[in-house]
Amino acid sequence: MSRPEPDEGLSVTTPSDTELVLTRTFAASRPLVFDAFTRPELLRRWHGARGWHLVVCEIDLRPGGAWRFVSRGPDGAEMGLSGVYHEVEPPYRLVHTESHTGWEEGAALVTTVFDESHGRTTMNTTVRYSSREIRDSVLRTPMKRGAGEAYDRLAEVLSETTLKRP
């Protein structure tokens, strides 16, 4: 069996004062990529930077449904994320809020769109913060490295021939 074309790396752009956009193309179908973002058994396999693993992955995948992740790092540190889904349009689009445990700046609004062409899916995630200061503080963290490593892990999961849709 031939190997898929290599995946493209993560691109992070700032189209406005309060937004950042993460873009990544994967050598997989849109339904498969959507599933990887919404099925706990798949999220546990890739979500987080290398060395980090989801120890809690709760998803109520419907408008108004909540989600909660807790990741544990190699030194035992934990990071929590949570939010509420606003739109769920499989396998095309997800819109949800996102808050970090201990983050008092308020929730960001996250819109992820999945576009497929020739068996490759481009993910565009727009994160809108309440202010430029908050967006800029996020950009000063290792967010780009961590997201890039997570999406590298996702590309590895997607390339496995054992990955099948239910």
Protein backbone atom coordinates (compact mmCIF):
# COMPACT_ATOMS: atom_id res chain seq x y z
CA MET A 1 0.00 0.00 0.00
CA SER A 2 1.36 3.44 -0.87
CA ARG A 3 1.96 6.00 1.84
CA PRO A 4 -0.12 9.21 1.75
CA GLU A 5 1.55 12.45 0.77
CA PRO A 6 3.24 14.22 3.68
CA ASP A 7 1.04 16.52 5.71
CA GLU A 8 1.66 20.22 5.66
CA GLY A 9 2.84 21.94 8.82
CA LEU A 10 0.81 24.25 11.00
CA SER A 11 0.28 27.84 9.92
CA VAL A 12 -0.76 30.48 12.49
CA THR A 13 -1.98 33.88 11.28
CA THR A 14 -3.60 36.93 12.88
CA PRO A 15 -6.30 38.26 10.52
CA SER A 16 -7.65 40.78 13.05
CA ASP A 17 -6.75 42.34 16.40
CA THR A 18 -8.65 39.67 18.35
CA GLU A 19 -8.30 36.55 16.20
CA LEU A 20 -5.77 33.94 15.36
CA VAL A 21 -6.21 31.27 12.70
CA LEU A 22 -4.58 27.84 12.78
CA THR A 23 -4.44 26.03 9.43
CA ARG A 24 -3.23 22.52 8.76
CA THR A 25 -3.82 20.06 5.92
CA PHE A 26 -4.03 16.34 6.61
CA ALA A 27 -3.77 13.40 4.19
CA ALA A 28 -7.19 12.06 5.22
CA SER A 29 -10.86 12.45 4.40
CA ARG A 30 -13.00 15.15 6.02
CA PRO A 31 -15.17 12.61 7.93
CA LEU A 32 -12.06 10.98 9.40
CA VAL A 33 -10.56 14.31 10.49
CA PHE A 34 -13.89 15.45 11.95
CA ASP A 35 -14.13 12.18 13.91
CA ALA A 36 -10.60 12.72 15.25
CA PHE A 37 -11.75 16.07 16.67
CA THR A 38 -14.97 14.76 18.21
CA ARG A 39 -14.54 11.12 19.30
CA PRO A 40 -12.91 10.70 22.73
CA GLU A 41 -11.20 7.41 21.80
CA LEU A 42 -9.42 9.22 18.95
CA LEU A 43 -8.75 12.49 20.80
CA ARG A 44 -6.96 10.55 23.55
CA ARG A 45 -4.51 9.31 20.93
CA TRP A 46 -3.34 12.72 19.68
CA HIS A 47 -4.55 15.74 21.64
CA GLY A 48 -1.74 17.74 23.23
CA ALA A 49 1.94 18.41 22.69
CA ARG A 50 4.33 15.48 22.74
CA GLY A 51 4.58 14.13 26.29
CA TRP A 52 1.08 15.38 27.18
CA HIS A 53 -1.92 13.05 27.32
CA LEU A 54 -5.65 13.48 27.88
CA VAL A 55 -6.63 11.97 31.20
CA VAL A 56 -10.18 13.37 31.00
CA CYS A 57 -12.04 13.66 27.68
CA GLU A 58 -15.76 14.35 28.03
CA ILE A 59 -17.81 15.37 24.97
CA ASP A 60 -21.54 16.02 24.63
CA LEU A 61 -21.48 16.67 20.87
CA ARG A 62 -24.60 18.77 20.28
CA PRO A 63 -25.47 22.48 20.33
CA GLY A 64 -25.57 23.40 24.02
CA GLY A 65 -23.53 20.33 24.96
CA ALA A 66 -20.45 20.77 27.11
CA TRP A 67 -16.94 19.42 26.62
CA ARG A 68 -14.06 19.10 29.09
CA PHE A 69 -10.46 17.97 28.67
CA VAL A 70 -7.73 17.57 31.27
CA SER A 71 -4.21 16.94 29.97
CA ARG A 72 -1.27 15.70 32.03
CA GLY A 73 2.31 16.52 31.11
CA PRO A 74 5.50 14.53 31.61
CA ASP A 75 6.22 16.30 34.92
CA GLY A 76 2.72 15.60 36.24
CA ALA A 77 1.42 19.13 35.56
CA GLU A 78 -2.22 19.29 34.50
CA MET A 79 -4.03 21.68 32.19
CA GLY A 80 -7.81 21.86 31.90
CA LEU A 81 -9.90 23.08 28.97
CA SER A 82 -13.67 23.29 28.71
CA GLY A 83 -16.45 24.87 26.75
CA VAL A 84 -19.87 24.58 25.19
CA TYR A 85 -20.74 23.65 21.61
CA HIS A 86 -22.73 26.27 19.69
CA GLU A 87 -22.82 24.57 16.25
CA VAL A 88 -22.12 20.97 15.29
CA GLU A 89 -22.35 20.22 11.56
CA PRO A 90 -20.64 16.87 10.88
CA PRO A 91 -18.26 16.59 9.09
CA TYR A 92 -18.00 20.24 8.06
CA ARG A 93 -17.94 22.62 11.01
CA LEU A 94 -17.67 22.97 14.79
CA VAL A 95 -18.24 26.14 16.81
CA HIS A 96 -17.61 26.15 20.55
CA THR A 97 -16.31 28.21 23.43
CA GLU A 98 -12.98 27.42 25.07
CA SER A 99 -11.76 28.34 28.54
CA HIS A 100 -8.59 27.26 30.31
CA THR A 101 -8.70 26.28 33.98
CA GLY A 102 -7.61 29.29 36.01
CA TRP A 103 -7.97 31.62 33.02
CA GLU A 104 -10.03 34.61 34.11
CA GLU A 105 -10.04 36.45 30.77
CA GLY A 106 -13.27 34.80 29.59
CA ALA A 107 -13.97 32.20 26.97
CA ALA A 108 -12.66 32.35 23.42
CA LEU A 109 -14.98 31.49 20.52
CA VAL A 110 -13.51 28.74 18.34
CA THR A 111 -14.77 27.99 14.82
CA THR A 112 -13.26 25.02 12.98
CA VAL A 113 -14.06 24.36 9.34
CA PHE A 114 -12.98 21.19 7.54
CA ASP A 115 -12.55 21.39 3.74
CA GLU A 116 -11.72 18.32 1.67
CA SER A 117 -10.13 18.22 -1.76
CA HIS A 118 -8.70 15.12 -3.46
CA GLY A 119 -8.71 13.08 -0.23
CA ARG A 120 -6.88 15.76 1.77
CA THR A 121 -8.60 17.82 4.46
CA THR A 122 -7.66 21.35 5.41
CA MET A 123 -8.61 22.39 8.93
CA ASN A 124 -9.05 26.12 9.52
CA THR A 125 -9.59 27.02 13.17
CA THR A 126 -10.39 30.64 14.00
CA VAL A 127 -10.03 31.56 17.67
CA ARG A 128 -11.63 34.88 18.64
CA TYR A 129 -10.60 36.43 21.96
CA SER A 130 -12.29 39.30 23.77
CA SER A 131 -9.31 41.63 23.28
CA ARG A 132 -6.05 42.09 21.42
CA GLU A 133 -4.16 41.86 24.71
CA ILE A 134 -5.50 38.39 25.40
CA ARG A 135 -4.77 37.21 21.86
CA ASP A 136 -1.23 38.57 22.10
CA SER A 137 -0.66 36.94 25.48
CA VAL A 138 -1.69 33.59 23.96
CA LEU A 139 0.74 34.15 21.08
CA ARG A 140 3.57 34.66 23.62
CA THR A 141 2.98 31.20 25.09
CA PRO A 142 4.31 27.99 23.49
CA MET A 143 0.84 27.54 21.91
CA LYS A 144 2.15 27.29 18.34
CA ARG A 145 4.70 24.61 19.26
CA GLY A 146 2.16 22.65 21.31
CA ALA A 147 -0.55 22.83 18.65
CA GLY A 148 1.96 21.92 15.95
CA GLU A 149 3.08 18.85 17.91
CA ALA A 150 -0.54 17.84 18.57
CA TYR A 151 -1.39 18.11 14.87
CA ASP A 152 1.74 16.10 14.03
CA ARG A 153 0.44 13.42 16.39
CA LEU A 154 -2.98 13.64 14.71
CA ALA A 155 -1.38 13.16 11.28
CA GLU A 156 0.28 9.98 12.61
CA VAL A 157 -3.06 8.67 13.91
CA LEU A 158 -4.80 9.50 10.63
CA SER A 159 -2.14 7.64 8.63
CA GLU A 160 -2.67 4.39 10.50
CA THR A 161 -4.40 1.85 8.30
CA THR A 162 -6.31 0.49 11.30
CA LEU A 163 -8.24 3.73 11.73
CA LYS A 164 -11.76 3.15 10.47
CA ARG A 165 -15.00 5.07 10.78
CA PRO A 166 -17.73 3.36 12.82
